[in-house]
Protein backbone atom coordinates (compact mmCIF):
# COMPACT_ATOMS: atom_id res chain seq x y z
CA MET A 1 -16.71 8.87 -29.43
CA VAL A 2 -15.38 5.97 -31.30
CA GLY A 3 -12.18 4.24 -31.90
CA ALA A 4 -10.36 3.70 -35.08
CA ASN A 5 -11.68 0.13 -35.74
CA THR A 6 -15.30 1.60 -35.89
CA VAL A 7 -14.36 4.22 -38.37
CA ILE A 8 -12.50 1.68 -40.57
CA ARG A 9 -15.30 -0.87 -40.33
CA ASP A 10 -18.54 1.39 -40.38
CA ASP A 11 -17.46 4.68 -41.66
CA PRO A 12 -20.07 6.41 -39.37
CA SER A 13 -21.08 9.96 -39.42
CA LEU A 14 -21.92 10.48 -35.66
CA THR A 15 -24.14 13.23 -36.21
CA VAL A 16 -27.96 14.10 -35.08
CA ARG A 17 -29.99 13.12 -38.07
CA LEU A 18 -33.30 11.66 -37.10
CA VAL A 19 -34.55 14.81 -35.05
CA GLU A 20 -34.25 18.46 -35.68
CA ALA A 21 -30.85 19.62 -34.01
CA ASP A 22 -29.42 23.33 -33.96
CA ARG A 23 -25.97 21.86 -33.51
CA GLN A 24 -23.92 18.94 -33.98
CA PRO A 25 -21.97 17.12 -31.08
CA ILE A 26 -18.35 17.21 -31.28
CA ARG A 27 -16.96 13.72 -32.45
CA ILE A 28 -13.90 12.26 -31.08
CA VAL A 29 -12.00 9.47 -32.55
CA ILE A 30 -9.28 7.58 -30.82
CA ASP A 31 -6.85 6.70 -33.68
CA PRO A 32 -3.17 6.61 -32.05
CA ASN A 33 -1.64 4.88 -35.06
CA ASN A 34 -3.46 7.25 -37.75
CA ARG A 35 -5.05 4.37 -39.36
CA ILE A 36 -8.42 5.95 -40.62
CA ALA A 37 -8.86 6.89 -44.01
CA ALA A 38 -8.31 10.74 -44.68
CA ASN A 39 -11.66 10.64 -46.66
CA SER A 40 -13.68 9.17 -43.63
CA LYS A 41 -17.11 10.99 -43.46
CA ILE A 42 -16.17 11.85 -39.69
CA LEU A 43 -13.18 13.79 -41.14
CA THR A 44 -14.69 15.37 -44.37
CA ASP A 45 -18.20 16.40 -43.70
CA GLY A 46 -17.60 19.85 -42.11
CA ASN A 47 -18.61 18.96 -38.54
CA GLU A 48 -16.12 19.40 -35.80
CA THR A 49 -14.19 16.40 -34.96
CA LYS A 50 -11.03 15.75 -32.52
CA HIS A 51 -9.07 13.11 -34.24
CA LEU A 52 -6.75 11.72 -31.65
CA THR A 53 -3.70 10.23 -33.22
CA THR A 54 -0.11 10.64 -31.90
CA ASP A 55 -1.41 13.10 -29.20
CA PHE A 56 -3.41 10.41 -27.71
CA ARG A 57 -2.09 9.69 -24.13
CA GLY A 58 -4.80 7.49 -22.52
CA LEU A 59 -8.41 7.65 -21.65
CA SER A 60 -7.66 9.66 -18.36
CA ALA A 61 -5.66 12.31 -20.29
CA MET A 62 -8.53 12.40 -22.98
CA LEU A 63 -11.27 12.85 -20.27
CA ASP A 64 -9.32 15.67 -18.68
CA MET A 65 -8.84 17.32 -22.41
CA LEU A 66 -12.82 17.14 -22.74
CA GLY A 67 -13.24 18.52 -18.99
CA ASP A 68 -10.97 21.46 -20.18
CA LEU A 69 -13.36 21.93 -23.13
CA GLU A 70 -16.41 21.87 -20.59
CA ILE A 71 -17.49 18.69 -22.06
CA GLN A 72 -19.06 16.79 -18.94
CA ARG A 73 -20.89 14.02 -20.93
CA LEU A 74 -19.51 11.41 -23.40
CA LEU A 75 -21.40 8.93 -25.49
CA VAL A 76 -18.99 6.20 -26.34
CA GLU A 77 -20.49 4.53 -29.55
CA GLY A 78 -17.36 2.62 -30.42
CA GLY A 79 -16.82 -1.06 -30.77
CA PRO A 80 -16.13 -3.65 -28.15
CA THR A 81 -12.58 -2.75 -27.87
CA THR A 82 -12.96 0.81 -27.13
CA ILE A 83 -16.01 0.26 -24.68
CA ASN A 84 -14.09 -2.46 -22.83
CA HIS A 85 -11.04 -0.18 -22.26
CA PHE A 86 -13.58 2.21 -20.79
CA MET A 87 -15.21 -0.36 -18.53
CA GLN A 88 -11.89 -1.72 -17.55
CA GLN A 89 -10.86 1.61 -16.14
CA ASP A 90 -14.16 2.03 -14.58
CA PHE A 91 -15.30 5.10 -16.50
CA VAL A 92 -18.93 3.87 -17.43
CA ASP A 93 -21.69 5.09 -15.40
CA GLU A 94 -24.53 4.06 -18.01
CA PHE A 95 -24.48 1.33 -20.43
CA ILE A 96 -27.13 1.11 -23.40
CA ILE A 97 -27.56 -1.87 -25.38
CA VAL A 98 -29.53 -1.57 -28.60
CA GLU A 99 -30.36 -4.98 -30.23
CA SER A 100 -31.53 -4.90 -33.74
CA LYS A 101 -32.67 -7.73 -36.09
CA THR A 102 -30.03 -6.92 -38.43
CA ILE A 103 -27.23 -9.41 -38.63
CA HIS A 104 -23.75 -8.26 -39.81
CA GLU A 105 -21.86 -10.30 -42.14
CA THR A 106 -18.94 -10.23 -39.86
CA PRO A 107 -20.23 -9.68 -36.41
CA VAL A 108 -17.74 -8.67 -33.83
CA LYS A 109 -18.04 -10.37 -30.19
CA SER A 110 -18.56 -7.89 -27.52
CA ASN A 111 -17.69 -9.80 -24.22
CA PHE A 112 -19.17 -6.90 -21.98
CA ASP A 113 -19.12 -7.65 -18.22
CA LEU A 114 -22.20 -5.96 -17.02
CA SER A 115 -22.03 -7.59 -13.64
CA HIS A 116 -21.66 -4.19 -11.82
CA PHE A 117 -24.53 -2.77 -13.73
CA PRO A 118 -28.15 -3.69 -12.55
CA LYS A 119 -30.65 -3.50 -15.29
CA VAL A 120 -32.77 -0.48 -14.81
CA ARG A 121 -35.28 -0.83 -17.71
CA GLU A 122 -35.96 -2.43 -20.91
CA GLU A 123 -37.88 -0.62 -23.87
CA PHE A 124 -38.14 -0.48 -27.52
CA TRP A 125 -37.15 1.94 -30.10
CA GLY A 126 -39.20 0.91 -33.21
CA GLU A 127 -38.21 -2.70 -33.67
CA GLU A 128 -35.13 -2.44 -31.54
CA SER A 129 -34.83 -3.82 -28.08
CA VAL A 130 -32.99 -1.53 -25.64
CA LYS A 131 -31.72 -2.51 -22.36
CA ILE A 132 -30.48 0.48 -20.18
CA TYR A 133 -28.07 -0.27 -17.34
CA THR A 134 -26.77 2.14 -14.62
CA ARG A 135 -24.78 2.10 -11.43
């Protein structure tokens, strides 16, 4: 799941690509002002996407809708605005930070408050440092 800003900035695929997969996860885009481009990968690649525009009624309603679809786990891969909305409403059980050596031309400050998440472990995925926090 991502917000509109991530799609506008990165045009992500949000598909399983680096390992063999029998199916792709459903992708969710929160875009209440319908700002993402109609030709975004997430809308045109043929994989299932829920594009929440004027029907977006808030995170609680969205999570209820996903529960009705029997979706019990959600990976929020969005930017800091979307992630901080989830954290402010206490909807985060696990937080994974992947740090790479890549530096963006226009970085976005995250300001994540992880004080309620004790760091469980640190590992490396290739050259990327990964910190995993859980409640």
